[in-house]
Amino acid sequence: MKIGIVLSGCGVMDGSEIHEAVLSMLCVNQAGAETICMAPAADQMHVVNHISSEPVQGENRNTLLESARIARGDIRDIGTVSVSDIDALIIPGGFGAAKNLCTFAVDGAECRVDPDAEKLISAMLDTGKPVGALCIAPVLVAKIAGGKGIPVQVTIGNDAGVAGAIEAMGAVHVECPVDRAVIDETHKVVTAPAYMLAKSIKEVAQSAKALVDGIMGLAGK
């Protein structure tokens, strides 16, 4: 079984949350499946200094090249990945999911989605192949599904502001503790809070395992 991992850079403030990405990959591997990492071949929204938390003026980084750091160079341009290449898809969180995969960090419910990411995620939903998302990444699924008139159930934990935006996009938000996942069996979407609620890497691991267990269960049906 092949599970796609959609990365959005390298680092929580401007890319993929590294703990969430790596723990998702570990859980997939432990479940006996293969990971196929991918990312858009486009520039990040911006670059953030992860010590000061401030944007770095005049610096640009490519999302695919930065994501390759997490994937140890074994990564594909998401625009070259077809729904037939994978059995399921997982999107770790981090602000890159809301800045580089879509513009939720700036535009909220009115966000735009990276065209290549939207094409693949939309095809996964259309073909009934499982899609998983951690932390803030469920907003991406909510936007795409909502645009297709699919009232998908997702969670980001219990943040009222983000939950309201998810509802405004046409999805249904379900509150969820950090060690559980919300499984929408009808639409084959699995989401878990991870660092939206987690206070430690151990709790992120619990979220990642709950999500991957849900994905593997749906992929086997």
N, C-alpha and C. Protein backbone atom coordinates (compact mmCIF):
# COMPACT_ATOMS: atom_id res chain seq x y z
N MET A 1 0.85 -1.20 0.00
CA MET A 1 0.00 0.00 0.00
C MET A 1 0.88 1.25 0.00
N LYS A 2 0.50 2.24 -0.78
CA LYS A 2 1.28 3.47 -0.90
C LYS A 2 0.47 4.65 -0.37
N ILE A 3 1.06 5.35 0.59
CA ILE A 3 0.40 6.50 1.22
C ILE A 3 1.15 7.77 0.87
N GLY A 4 0.50 8.71 0.22
CA GLY A 4 1.11 9.99 -0.09
C GLY A 4 1.18 10.88 1.14
N ILE A 5 2.29 11.58 1.30
CA ILE A 5 2.47 12.55 2.38
C ILE A 5 2.70 13.91 1.73
N VAL A 6 1.75 14.82 1.92
CA VAL A 6 1.85 16.15 1.31
C VAL A 6 2.58 17.09 2.26
N LEU A 7 3.76 17.51 1.88
CA LEU A 7 4.55 18.43 2.69
C LEU A 7 4.41 19.86 2.16
N SER A 8 4.73 20.83 3.04
CA SER A 8 4.52 22.24 2.67
C SER A 8 5.70 23.10 3.08
N GLY A 9 6.90 22.51 3.10
CA GLY A 9 8.09 23.22 3.55
C GLY A 9 8.70 22.49 4.73
N CYS A 10 9.56 23.16 5.46
CA CYS A 10 10.28 22.52 6.55
C CYS A 10 10.35 23.45 7.77
N GLY A 11 9.42 23.27 8.68
CA GLY A 11 9.40 24.11 9.88
C GLY A 11 8.01 24.64 10.16
N VAL A 12 7.58 24.60 11.40
CA VAL A 12 6.19 24.87 11.77
C VAL A 12 5.70 26.26 11.34
N MET A 13 6.57 27.26 11.35
CA MET A 13 6.09 28.62 11.14
C MET A 13 5.91 29.00 9.67
N ASP A 14 6.57 28.28 8.78
CA ASP A 14 6.42 28.61 7.36
C ASP A 14 6.36 27.38 6.47
N GLY A 15 6.26 26.19 7.07
CA GLY A 15 6.24 24.96 6.30
C GLY A 15 5.53 23.86 7.07
N SER A 16 5.89 22.61 6.78
CA SER A 16 5.31 21.48 7.51
C SER A 16 5.83 21.45 8.95
N GLU A 17 4.96 21.07 9.88
CA GLU A 17 5.38 20.84 11.26
C GLU A 17 6.17 19.54 11.24
N ILE A 18 7.44 19.62 11.60
CA ILE A 18 8.34 18.49 11.39
C ILE A 18 7.95 17.28 12.23
N HIS A 19 7.58 17.48 13.49
CA HIS A 19 7.17 16.34 14.31
C HIS A 19 5.97 15.63 13.69
N GLU A 20 4.99 16.39 13.28
CA GLU A 20 3.79 15.79 12.68
C GLU A 20 4.12 15.04 11.40
N ALA A 21 4.98 15.61 10.58
CA ALA A 21 5.34 14.97 9.31
C ALA A 21 6.09 13.66 9.56
N VAL A 22 7.11 13.72 10.41
CA VAL A 22 7.94 12.54 10.64
C VAL A 22 7.16 11.45 11.37
N LEU A 23 6.38 11.82 12.36
CA LEU A 23 5.61 10.82 13.09
C LEU A 23 4.54 10.18 12.21
N SER A 24 3.97 10.94 11.30
CA SER A 24 3.01 10.36 10.34
C SER A 24 3.71 9.34 9.45
N MET A 25 4.91 9.71 8.97
CA MET A 25 5.68 8.79 8.14
C MET A 25 6.06 7.53 8.91
N LEU A 26 6.44 7.69 10.18
CA LEU A 26 6.80 6.55 11.01
C LEU A 26 5.60 5.62 11.20
N CYS A 27 4.46 6.19 11.51
CA CYS A 27 3.25 5.37 11.73
C CYS A 27 2.85 4.62 10.46
N VAL A 28 2.98 5.27 9.32
CA VAL A 28 2.67 4.61 8.05
C VAL A 28 3.61 3.43 7.84
N ASN A 29 4.91 3.66 8.09
CA ASN A 29 5.90 2.61 7.93
C ASN A 29 5.63 1.45 8.90
N GLN A 30 5.29 1.78 10.14
CA GLN A 30 5.00 0.75 11.13
C GLN A 30 3.75 -0.05 10.78
N ALA A 31 2.86 0.57 10.01
CA ALA A 31 1.64 -0.11 9.57
C ALA A 31 1.90 -0.98 8.34
N GLY A 32 3.14 -0.97 7.85
CA GLY A 32 3.50 -1.83 6.73
C GLY A 32 3.27 -1.22 5.36
N ALA A 33 3.06 0.09 5.31
CA ALA A 33 2.82 0.76 4.03
C ALA A 33 4.02 1.61 3.63
N GLU A 34 4.05 2.00 2.38
CA GLU A 34 5.12 2.82 1.81
C GLU A 34 4.68 4.27 1.74
N THR A 35 5.60 5.19 2.04
CA THR A 35 5.27 6.62 1.91
C THR A 35 5.81 7.17 0.60
N ILE A 36 5.02 8.06 0.00
CA ILE A 36 5.45 8.81 -1.18
C ILE A 36 5.30 10.28 -0.83
N CYS A 37 6.41 10.95 -0.57
CA CYS A 37 6.37 12.36 -0.18
C CYS A 37 6.27 13.25 -1.41
N MET A 38 5.57 14.35 -1.23
CA MET A 38 5.35 15.29 -2.34
C MET A 38 5.12 16.69 -1.80
N ALA A 39 5.31 17.69 -2.66
CA ALA A 39 5.08 19.09 -2.27
C ALA A 39 4.97 19.92 -3.55
N PRO A 40 4.34 21.07 -3.47
CA PRO A 40 4.27 21.96 -4.64
C PRO A 40 5.64 22.54 -4.97
N ALA A 41 5.93 22.63 -6.25
CA ALA A 41 7.18 23.24 -6.71
C ALA A 41 6.98 24.73 -6.89
N ALA A 42 6.66 25.41 -5.80
CA ALA A 42 6.38 26.84 -5.83
C ALA A 42 7.03 27.51 -4.64
N ASP A 43 7.23 28.82 -4.70
CA ASP A 43 7.83 29.53 -3.58
C ASP A 43 6.90 29.56 -2.38
N GLN A 44 7.49 29.52 -1.19
CA GLN A 44 6.72 29.68 0.03
C GLN A 44 6.13 31.08 0.09
N MET A 45 5.10 31.25 0.92
CA MET A 45 4.53 32.58 1.14
C MET A 45 5.60 33.53 1.65
N HIS A 46 6.40 33.05 2.62
CA HIS A 46 7.53 33.82 3.14
C HIS A 46 8.41 32.87 3.94
N VAL A 47 9.50 33.40 4.45
CA VAL A 47 10.43 32.62 5.28
C VAL A 47 10.41 33.22 6.68
N VAL A 48 10.30 32.38 7.69
CA VAL A 48 10.22 32.84 9.07
C VAL A 48 11.43 32.35 9.85
N ASN A 49 12.04 33.26 10.60
CA ASN A 49 13.11 32.90 11.53
C ASN A 49 12.47 32.14 12.70
N HIS A 50 12.85 30.88 12.88
CA HIS A 50 12.18 30.06 13.88
C HIS A 50 12.66 30.31 15.31
N ILE A 51 13.61 31.21 15.47
CA ILE A 51 14.00 31.63 16.83
C ILE A 51 13.25 32.90 17.23
N SER A 52 13.22 33.87 16.33
CA SER A 52 12.55 35.14 16.64
C SER A 52 11.07 35.12 16.29
N SER A 53 10.64 34.16 15.47
CA SER A 53 9.27 34.07 14.96
C SER A 53 8.91 35.21 14.02
N GLU A 54 9.92 35.91 13.51
CA GLU A 54 9.69 37.04 12.62
C GLU A 54 10.02 36.65 11.17
N PRO A 55 9.27 37.20 10.20
CA PRO A 55 9.60 36.95 8.80
C PRO A 55 10.99 37.48 8.46
N VAL A 56 11.67 36.78 7.57
CA VAL A 56 13.00 37.19 7.12
C VAL A 56 12.84 37.98 5.83
N GLN A 57 13.20 39.23 5.87
CA GLN A 57 13.01 40.11 4.71
C GLN A 57 14.00 39.76 3.60
N GLY A 58 13.50 39.72 2.37
CA GLY A 58 14.36 39.52 1.21
C GLY A 58 14.80 38.10 0.96
N GLU A 59 14.25 37.13 1.70
CA GLU A 59 14.63 35.73 1.49
C GLU A 59 13.45 34.95 0.94
N ASN A 60 13.71 34.14 -0.09
CA ASN A 60 12.68 33.29 -0.68
C ASN A 60 13.15 31.84 -0.65
N ARG A 61 12.22 30.94 -0.42
CA ARG A 61 12.54 29.52 -0.44
C ARG A 61 11.46 28.77 -1.21
N ASN A 62 11.88 27.70 -1.88
CA ASN A 62 10.96 26.89 -2.66
C ASN A 62 10.36 25.80 -1.78
N THR A 63 9.05 25.63 -1.84
CA THR A 63 8.37 24.66 -0.98
C THR A 63 8.85 23.24 -1.21
N LEU A 64 9.04 22.86 -2.46
CA LEU A 64 9.49 21.51 -2.78
C LEU A 64 10.90 21.25 -2.25
N LEU A 65 11.80 22.22 -2.46
CA LEU A 65 13.18 22.05 -2.01
C LEU A 65 13.28 22.00 -0.49
N GLU A 66 12.49 22.81 0.19
CA GLU A 66 12.50 22.79 1.65
C GLU A 66 11.90 21.48 2.18
N SER A 67 10.84 21.01 1.54
CA SER A 67 10.21 19.76 1.96
C SER A 67 11.14 18.57 1.78
N ALA A 68 12.02 18.68 0.79
CA ALA A 68 12.98 17.59 0.54
C ALA A 68 13.88 17.35 1.74
N ARG A 69 14.05 18.34 2.61
CA ARG A 69 14.85 18.16 3.82
C ARG A 69 14.21 17.09 4.72
N ILE A 70 12.90 17.12 4.84
CA ILE A 70 12.20 16.15 5.67
C ILE A 70 12.19 14.78 5.00
N ALA A 71 12.04 14.78 3.68
CA ALA A 71 11.93 13.52 2.93
C ALA A 71 13.28 12.92 2.57
N ARG A 72 14.36 13.53 3.04
CA ARG A 72 15.72 13.06 2.73
C ARG A 72 15.95 12.98 1.22
N GLY A 73 15.34 13.94 0.51
CA GLY A 73 15.55 14.04 -0.93
C GLY A 73 14.64 13.17 -1.76
N ASP A 74 13.93 12.24 -1.14
CA ASP A 74 13.04 11.33 -1.87
C ASP A 74 11.64 11.94 -1.92
N ILE A 75 11.45 12.82 -2.89
CA ILE A 75 10.21 13.61 -2.93
C ILE A 75 9.83 13.91 -4.37
N ARG A 76 8.54 14.12 -4.59
CA ARG A 76 8.04 14.41 -5.93
C ARG A 76 7.29 15.74 -5.94
N ASP A 77 7.31 16.39 -7.08
CA ASP A 77 6.46 17.55 -7.32
C ASP A 77 5.02 17.04 -7.29
N ILE A 78 4.18 17.62 -6.45
CA ILE A 78 2.80 17.14 -6.32
C ILE A 78 2.05 17.20 -7.65
N GLY A 79 2.47 18.10 -8.53
CA GLY A 79 1.83 18.20 -9.83
C GLY A 79 2.05 17.00 -10.72
N THR A 80 3.02 16.15 -10.38
CA THR A 80 3.32 14.96 -11.17
C THR A 80 2.70 13.70 -10.58
N VAL A 81 2.01 13.84 -9.43
CA VAL A 81 1.42 12.68 -8.76
C VAL A 81 -0.03 12.53 -9.16
N SER A 82 -0.38 11.33 -9.56
CA SER A 82 -1.75 11.02 -9.96
C SER A 82 -2.46 10.25 -8.85
N VAL A 83 -3.77 10.34 -8.83
CA VAL A 83 -4.55 9.59 -7.85
C VAL A 83 -4.31 8.09 -7.98
N SER A 84 -3.92 7.64 -9.17
CA SER A 84 -3.66 6.21 -9.38
C SER A 84 -2.33 5.77 -8.78
N ASP A 85 -1.49 6.73 -8.37
CA ASP A 85 -0.17 6.41 -7.81
C ASP A 85 -0.22 6.03 -6.34
N ILE A 86 -1.31 6.39 -5.65
CA ILE A 86 -1.37 6.23 -4.21
C ILE A 86 -2.71 5.63 -3.78
N ASP A 87 -2.72 5.04 -2.58
CA ASP A 87 -3.94 4.45 -2.04
C ASP A 87 -4.62 5.36 -1.03
N ALA A 88 -3.87 6.31 -0.48
CA ALA A 88 -4.40 7.26 0.49
C ALA A 88 -3.45 8.45 0.56
N LEU A 89 -3.90 9.52 1.20
CA LEU A 89 -3.13 10.75 1.26
C LEU A 89 -3.19 11.32 2.66
N ILE A 90 -2.05 11.79 3.18
CA ILE A 90 -1.99 12.41 4.51
C ILE A 90 -1.32 13.77 4.40
N ILE A 91 -1.92 14.78 5.04
CA ILE A 91 -1.37 16.13 5.03
C ILE A 91 -1.03 16.54 6.46
N PRO A 92 0.25 16.57 6.82
CA PRO A 92 0.63 17.08 8.14
C PRO A 92 0.32 18.58 8.25
N GLY A 93 0.30 19.07 9.49
CA GLY A 93 0.01 20.48 9.70
C GLY A 93 1.27 21.34 9.66
N GLY A 94 1.24 22.41 10.44
CA GLY A 94 2.25 23.45 10.33
C GLY A 94 1.66 24.59 9.51
N PHE A 95 2.17 25.80 9.72
CA PHE A 95 1.60 26.95 9.01
C PHE A 95 1.77 26.86 7.50
N GLY A 96 2.71 26.02 7.04
CA GLY A 96 2.85 25.84 5.60
C GLY A 96 1.59 25.32 4.95
N ALA A 97 0.82 24.50 5.68
CA ALA A 97 -0.44 23.99 5.15
C ALA A 97 -1.42 25.14 4.91
N ALA A 98 -1.33 26.17 5.75
CA ALA A 98 -2.25 27.31 5.65
C ALA A 98 -1.64 28.52 4.93
N LYS A 99 -0.36 28.40 4.56
CA LYS A 99 0.32 29.49 3.85
C LYS A 99 0.76 29.09 2.44
N ASN A 100 1.20 27.84 2.28
CA ASN A 100 1.77 27.40 1.01
C ASN A 100 0.85 26.45 0.24
N LEU A 101 0.12 25.61 0.95
CA LEU A 101 -0.83 24.73 0.28
C LEU A 101 -2.15 25.45 0.02
N CYS A 102 -2.42 26.45 0.84
CA CYS A 102 -3.58 27.32 0.62
C CYS A 102 -3.29 28.65 1.31
N THR A 103 -4.21 29.59 1.21
CA THR A 103 -3.98 30.93 1.78
C THR A 103 -4.82 31.17 3.03
N PHE A 104 -5.18 30.10 3.74
CA PHE A 104 -6.05 30.24 4.90
C PHE A 104 -5.47 31.18 5.95
N ALA A 105 -4.16 31.19 6.12
CA ALA A 105 -3.53 32.03 7.14
C ALA A 105 -3.81 33.51 6.91
N VAL A 106 -4.04 33.87 5.65
CA VAL A 106 -4.29 35.27 5.29
C VAL A 106 -5.77 35.52 5.02
N ASP A 107 -6.40 34.58 4.32
CA ASP A 107 -7.74 34.82 3.78
C ASP A 107 -8.85 34.07 4.51
N GLY A 108 -8.53 33.24 5.48
CA GLY A 108 -9.57 32.51 6.20
C GLY A 108 -10.43 31.67 5.28
N ALA A 109 -11.73 31.69 5.53
CA ALA A 109 -12.67 30.87 4.76
C ALA A 109 -12.69 31.19 3.28
N GLU A 110 -12.19 32.36 2.91
CA GLU A 110 -12.15 32.75 1.48
C GLU A 110 -10.84 32.35 0.82
N CYS A 111 -10.11 31.45 1.43
CA CYS A 111 -8.78 31.10 0.95
C CYS A 111 -8.80 30.43 -0.43
N ARG A 112 -7.65 30.52 -1.10
CA ARG A 112 -7.41 29.83 -2.36
C ARG A 112 -6.47 28.66 -2.09
N VAL A 113 -6.61 27.60 -2.86
CA VAL A 113 -5.79 26.41 -2.70
C VAL A 113 -4.79 26.30 -3.85
N ASP A 114 -3.56 25.88 -3.53
CA ASP A 114 -2.58 25.63 -4.58
C ASP A 114 -3.21 24.72 -5.64
N PRO A 115 -3.14 25.08 -6.92
CA PRO A 115 -3.85 24.32 -7.96
C PRO A 115 -3.47 22.85 -8.03
N ASP A 116 -2.20 22.53 -7.89
CA ASP A 116 -1.78 21.13 -7.98
C ASP A 116 -2.24 20.33 -6.76
N ALA A 117 -2.18 20.95 -5.59
CA ALA A 117 -2.68 20.28 -4.38
C ALA A 117 -4.19 20.07 -4.49
N GLU A 118 -4.89 21.08 -4.97
CA GLU A 118 -6.34 20.96 -5.10
C GLU A 118 -6.72 19.86 -6.08
N LYS A 119 -5.99 19.77 -7.18
CA LYS A 119 -6.29 18.75 -8.20
C LYS A 119 -6.18 17.35 -7.61
N LEU A 120 -5.10 17.09 -6.85
CA LEU A 120 -4.90 15.75 -6.31
C LEU A 120 -5.89 15.45 -5.19
N ILE A 121 -6.06 16.37 -4.25
CA ILE A 121 -6.98 16.14 -3.14
C ILE A 121 -8.40 15.97 -3.64
N SER A 122 -8.79 16.77 -4.62
CA SER A 122 -10.12 16.66 -5.20
C SER A 122 -10.32 15.30 -5.85
N ALA A 123 -9.30 14.83 -6.56
CA ALA A 123 -9.39 13.51 -7.21
C ALA A 123 -9.49 12.40 -6.18
N MET A 124 -8.79 12.54 -5.06
CA MET A 124 -8.88 11.54 -4.00
C MET A 124 -10.31 11.48 -3.44
N LEU A 125 -10.90 12.64 -3.20
CA LEU A 125 -12.28 12.68 -2.71
C LEU A 125 -13.24 12.08 -3.73
N ASP A 126 -13.03 12.39 -5.00
CA ASP A 126 -13.92 11.89 -6.06
C ASP A 126 -13.87 10.38 -6.20
N THR A 127 -12.69 9.81 -6.01
CA THR A 127 -12.52 8.37 -6.19
C THR A 127 -12.71 7.57 -4.91
N GLY A 128 -12.96 8.25 -3.81
CA GLY A 128 -13.20 7.56 -2.55
C GLY A 128 -11.97 6.99 -1.91
N LYS A 129 -10.80 7.56 -2.24
CA LYS A 129 -9.57 7.13 -1.59
C LYS A 129 -9.35 7.99 -0.34
N PRO A 130 -8.94 7.41 0.77
CA PRO A 130 -8.87 8.13 2.04
C PRO A 130 -7.91 9.33 2.03
N VAL A 131 -8.35 10.39 2.70
CA VAL A 131 -7.54 11.59 2.88
C VAL A 131 -7.46 11.88 4.37
N GLY A 132 -6.25 12.09 4.88
CA GLY A 132 -6.06 12.42 6.27
C GLY A 132 -5.38 13.77 6.42
N ALA A 133 -5.68 14.48 7.50
CA ALA A 133 -5.07 15.79 7.74
C ALA A 133 -4.91 16.02 9.23
N LEU A 134 -3.75 16.56 9.61
CA LEU A 134 -3.43 16.84 11.00
C LEU A 134 -3.41 18.34 11.28
N CYS A 135 -3.68 18.70 12.54
CA CYS A 135 -3.48 20.06 13.03
C CYS A 135 -4.35 21.05 12.24
N ILE A 136 -3.74 22.04 11.58
CA ILE A 136 -4.48 23.05 10.82
C ILE A 136 -4.82 22.57 9.42
N ALA A 137 -4.18 21.49 8.94
CA ALA A 137 -4.38 21.04 7.57
C ALA A 137 -5.82 20.66 7.21
N PRO A 138 -6.68 20.27 8.16
CA PRO A 138 -8.07 20.00 7.77
C PRO A 138 -8.78 21.17 7.10
N VAL A 139 -8.31 22.41 7.30
CA VAL A 139 -8.96 23.53 6.61
C VAL A 139 -8.82 23.37 5.09
N LEU A 140 -7.73 22.78 4.66
CA LEU A 140 -7.50 22.55 3.24
C LEU A 140 -8.53 21.58 2.68
N VAL A 141 -8.75 20.50 3.41
CA VAL A 141 -9.75 19.51 2.99
C VAL A 141 -11.14 20.11 3.03
N ALA A 142 -11.42 20.89 4.07
CA ALA A 142 -12.73 21.53 4.20
C ALA A 142 -13.02 22.46 3.02
N LYS A 143 -12.00 23.22 2.61
CA LYS A 143 -12.18 24.15 1.50
C LYS A 143 -12.48 23.41 0.20
N ILE A 144 -11.71 22.37 -0.07
CA ILE A 144 -11.90 21.64 -1.33
C ILE A 144 -13.22 20.87 -1.32
N ALA A 145 -13.50 20.18 -0.22
CA ALA A 145 -14.74 19.41 -0.14
C ALA A 145 -15.95 20.33 -0.16
N GLY A 146 -15.86 21.45 0.58
CA GLY A 146 -16.97 22.40 0.60
C GLY A 146 -17.27 22.97 -0.77
N GLY A 147 -16.22 23.21 -1.55
CA GLY A 147 -16.40 23.71 -2.90
C GLY A 147 -17.08 22.72 -3.81
N LYS A 148 -17.03 21.45 -3.45
CA LYS A 148 -17.67 20.39 -4.23
C LYS A 148 -19.05 20.03 -3.65
N GLY A 149 -19.45 20.77 -2.61
CA GLY A 149 -20.74 20.48 -1.99
C GLY A 149 -20.73 19.25 -1.10
N ILE A 150 -19.55 18.86 -0.62
CA ILE A 150 -19.41 17.68 0.23
C ILE A 150 -19.31 18.13 1.69
N PRO A 151 -20.29 17.81 2.53
CA PRO A 151 -20.28 18.26 3.94
C PRO A 151 -19.40 17.36 4.80
N VAL A 152 -18.11 17.36 4.51
CA VAL A 152 -17.18 16.46 5.19
C VAL A 152 -17.04 16.84 6.66
N GLN A 153 -16.89 15.82 7.51
CA GLN A 153 -16.67 16.03 8.94
C GLN A 153 -15.17 16.05 9.22
N VAL A 154 -14.70 17.11 9.88
CA VAL A 154 -13.28 17.25 10.20
C VAL A 154 -13.12 17.83 11.60
N THR A 155 -11.89 17.77 12.12
CA THR A 155 -11.60 18.39 13.41
C THR A 155 -10.27 19.12 13.38
N ILE A 156 -10.19 20.19 14.14
CA ILE A 156 -8.91 20.83 14.45
C ILE A 156 -8.77 20.91 15.97
N GLY A 157 -9.57 20.09 16.66
CA GLY A 157 -9.57 20.11 18.11
C GLY A 157 -10.78 20.84 18.63
N ASN A 158 -10.56 22.06 19.16
CA ASN A 158 -11.70 22.81 19.70
C ASN A 158 -11.55 24.32 19.55
N ASP A 159 -10.69 24.79 18.65
CA ASP A 159 -10.51 26.22 18.43
C ASP A 159 -11.76 26.79 17.75
N ALA A 160 -12.45 27.67 18.45
CA ALA A 160 -13.74 28.17 17.96
C ALA A 160 -13.61 28.97 16.67
N GLY A 161 -12.55 29.79 16.57
CA GLY A 161 -12.38 30.61 15.38
C GLY A 161 -12.15 29.79 14.13
N VAL A 162 -11.24 28.83 14.20
CA VAL A 162 -10.96 27.98 13.04
C VAL A 162 -12.15 27.08 12.74
N ALA A 163 -12.79 26.58 13.80
CA ALA A 163 -13.98 25.74 13.59
C ALA A 163 -15.06 26.51 12.85
N GLY A 164 -15.23 27.78 13.20
CA GLY A 164 -16.22 28.61 12.51
C GLY A 164 -15.89 28.79 11.05
N ALA A 165 -14.61 28.97 10.74
CA ALA A 165 -14.20 29.11 9.34
C ALA A 165 -14.44 27.82 8.57
N ILE A 166 -14.19 26.68 9.22
CA ILE A 166 -14.44 25.38 8.59
C ILE A 166 -15.92 25.23 8.26
N GLU A 167 -16.77 25.62 9.19
CA GLU A 167 -18.22 25.56 8.95
C GLU A 167 -18.61 26.49 7.81
N ALA A 168 -17.98 27.67 7.75
CA ALA A 168 -18.29 28.64 6.69
C ALA A 168 -17.89 28.12 5.31
N MET A 169 -16.92 27.21 5.28
CA MET A 169 -16.49 26.63 4.00
C MET A 169 -17.36 25.46 3.57
N GLY A 170 -18.34 25.09 4.40
CA GLY A 170 -19.28 24.04 4.01
C GLY A 170 -19.00 22.69 4.63
N ALA A 171 -18.02 22.62 5.52
CA ALA A 171 -17.72 21.36 6.21
C ALA A 171 -18.38 21.37 7.59
N VAL A 172 -18.27 20.25 8.28
CA VAL A 172 -18.83 20.12 9.63
C VAL A 172 -17.68 19.91 10.60
N HIS A 173 -17.55 20.79 11.59
CA HIS A 173 -16.48 20.61 12.57
C HIS A 173 -16.96 19.79 13.75
N VAL A 174 -16.11 18.83 14.16
CA VAL A 174 -16.41 17.97 15.30
C VAL A 174 -15.28 18.12 16.31
N GLU A 175 -15.60 18.48 17.55
CA GLU A 175 -14.55 18.59 18.57
C GLU A 175 -13.96 17.22 18.87
N CYS A 176 -12.64 17.22 19.15
CA CYS A 176 -11.94 15.95 19.31
C CYS A 176 -10.74 16.13 20.24
N PRO A 177 -10.49 15.20 21.16
CA PRO A 177 -9.30 15.27 22.00
C PRO A 177 -8.05 14.91 21.21
N VAL A 178 -6.91 15.22 21.76
CA VAL A 178 -5.64 15.10 21.04
C VAL A 178 -5.29 13.66 20.69
N ASP A 179 -5.75 12.70 21.46
CA ASP A 179 -5.36 11.31 21.23
C ASP A 179 -6.37 10.53 20.38
N ARG A 180 -7.29 11.24 19.78
CA ARG A 180 -8.31 10.60 18.95
C ARG A 180 -8.31 11.23 17.55
N ALA A 181 -9.04 10.60 16.66
CA ALA A 181 -9.24 11.15 15.32
C ALA A 181 -10.72 11.13 14.99
N VAL A 182 -11.14 12.06 14.17
CA VAL A 182 -12.50 12.06 13.65
C VAL A 182 -12.48 11.34 12.30
N ILE A 183 -13.26 10.29 12.18
CA ILE A 183 -13.29 9.49 10.96
C ILE A 183 -14.63 9.67 10.28
N ASP A 184 -14.61 10.32 9.12
CA ASP A 184 -15.81 10.48 8.30
C ASP A 184 -15.82 9.29 7.33
N GLU A 185 -16.51 8.24 7.70
CA GLU A 185 -16.50 7.03 6.89
C GLU A 185 -17.21 7.22 5.56
N THR A 186 -18.21 8.10 5.53
CA THR A 186 -18.95 8.33 4.29
C THR A 186 -18.05 8.92 3.22
N HIS A 187 -17.23 9.91 3.60
CA HIS A 187 -16.39 10.61 2.62
C HIS A 187 -14.93 10.19 2.70
N LYS A 188 -14.63 9.23 3.59
CA LYS A 188 -13.28 8.68 3.76
C LYS A 188 -12.24 9.77 4.05
N VAL A 189 -12.54 10.56 5.06
CA VAL A 189 -11.63 11.61 5.53
C VAL A 189 -11.36 11.39 7.01
N VAL A 190 -10.08 11.46 7.40
CA VAL A 190 -9.68 11.28 8.79
C VAL A 190 -8.88 12.50 9.22
N THR A 191 -9.21 13.08 10.35
CA THR A 191 -8.50 14.26 10.84
C THR A 191 -8.22 14.12 12.33
N ALA A 192 -7.13 14.75 12.80
CA ALA A 192 -6.76 14.69 14.22
C ALA A 192 -6.07 16.00 14.61
N PRO A 193 -6.18 16.41 15.88
CA PRO A 193 -5.74 17.75 16.28
C PRO A 193 -4.24 18.00 16.31
N ALA A 194 -3.44 16.99 16.70
CA ALA A 194 -1.99 17.16 16.83
C ALA A 194 -1.68 18.46 17.59
N TYR A 195 -0.81 19.32 17.02
CA TYR A 195 -0.36 20.50 17.77
C TYR A 195 -1.41 21.60 17.91
N MET A 196 -2.60 21.41 17.38
CA MET A 196 -3.67 22.35 17.72
C MET A 196 -4.04 22.19 19.20
N LEU A 197 -3.77 20.99 19.75
CA LEU A 197 -4.04 20.73 21.16
C LEU A 197 -2.84 20.19 21.92
N ALA A 198 -1.93 19.52 21.22
CA ALA A 198 -0.85 18.79 21.88
C ALA A 198 0.07 19.70 22.68
N LYS A 199 0.48 19.20 23.84
CA LYS A 199 1.42 19.90 24.71
C LYS A 199 2.80 19.25 24.68
N SER A 200 2.94 18.14 23.97
CA SER A 200 4.21 17.42 23.91
C SER A 200 4.27 16.60 22.64
N ILE A 201 5.47 16.18 22.28
CA ILE A 201 5.64 15.34 21.09
C ILE A 201 4.96 13.98 21.30
N LYS A 202 4.87 13.52 22.54
CA LYS A 202 4.16 12.27 22.82
C LYS A 202 2.70 12.37 22.41
N GLU A 203 2.08 13.52 22.69
CA GLU A 203 0.68 13.69 22.31
C GLU A 203 0.53 13.82 20.81
N VAL A 204 1.52 14.41 20.14
CA VAL A 204 1.48 14.45 18.68
C VAL A 204 1.55 13.04 18.11
N ALA A 205 2.38 12.20 18.72
CA ALA A 205 2.48 10.81 18.29
C ALA A 205 1.15 10.09 18.43
N GLN A 206 0.41 10.41 19.49
CA GLN A 206 -0.90 9.80 19.69
C GLN A 206 -1.87 10.23 18.59
N SER A 207 -1.83 11.51 18.23
CA SER A 207 -2.67 12.02 17.14
C SER A 207 -2.31 11.36 15.82
N ALA A 208 -1.01 11.29 15.55
CA ALA A 208 -0.56 10.70 14.28
C ALA A 208 -0.98 9.25 14.18
N LYS A 209 -0.83 8.49 15.27
CA LYS A 209 -1.21 7.08 15.24
C LYS A 209 -2.72 6.92 15.05
N ALA A 210 -3.50 7.75 15.74
CA ALA A 210 -4.96 7.67 15.58
C ALA A 210 -5.36 7.96 14.14
N LEU A 211 -4.70 8.95 13.53
CA LEU A 211 -5.00 9.29 12.15
C LEU A 211 -4.60 8.18 11.19
N VAL A 212 -3.37 7.68 11.34
CA VAL A 212 -2.90 6.63 10.42
C VAL A 212 -3.70 5.35 10.60
N ASP A 213 -4.06 5.01 11.83
CA ASP A 213 -4.90 3.84 12.05
C ASP A 213 -6.24 4.00 11.31
N GLY A 214 -6.80 5.20 11.38
CA GLY A 214 -8.06 5.46 10.68
C GLY A 214 -7.90 5.36 9.16
N ILE A 215 -6.81 5.93 8.66
CA ILE A 215 -6.55 5.88 7.22
C ILE A 215 -6.38 4.44 6.75
N MET A 216 -5.59 3.65 7.47
CA MET A 216 -5.36 2.27 7.07
C MET A 216 -6.64 1.46 7.11
N GLY A 217 -7.47 1.75 8.10
CA GLY A 217 -8.75 1.05 8.19
C GLY A 217 -9.65 1.35 7.00
N LEU A 218 -9.70 2.61 6.60
CA LEU A 218 -10.53 2.99 5.45
C LEU A 218 -9.94 2.48 4.14
N ALA A 219 -8.61 2.51 4.04
CA ALA A 219 -7.97 2.06 2.80
C ALA A 219 -8.17 0.57 2.57
N GLY A 220 -8.39 -0.17 3.66
CA GLY A 220 -8.57 -1.60 3.53
C GLY A 220 -9.99 -2.00 3.18
N LYS A 221 -10.90 -1.01 3.13
CA LYS A 221 -12.31 -1.33 2.84
C LYS A 221 -12.61 -1.28 1.35
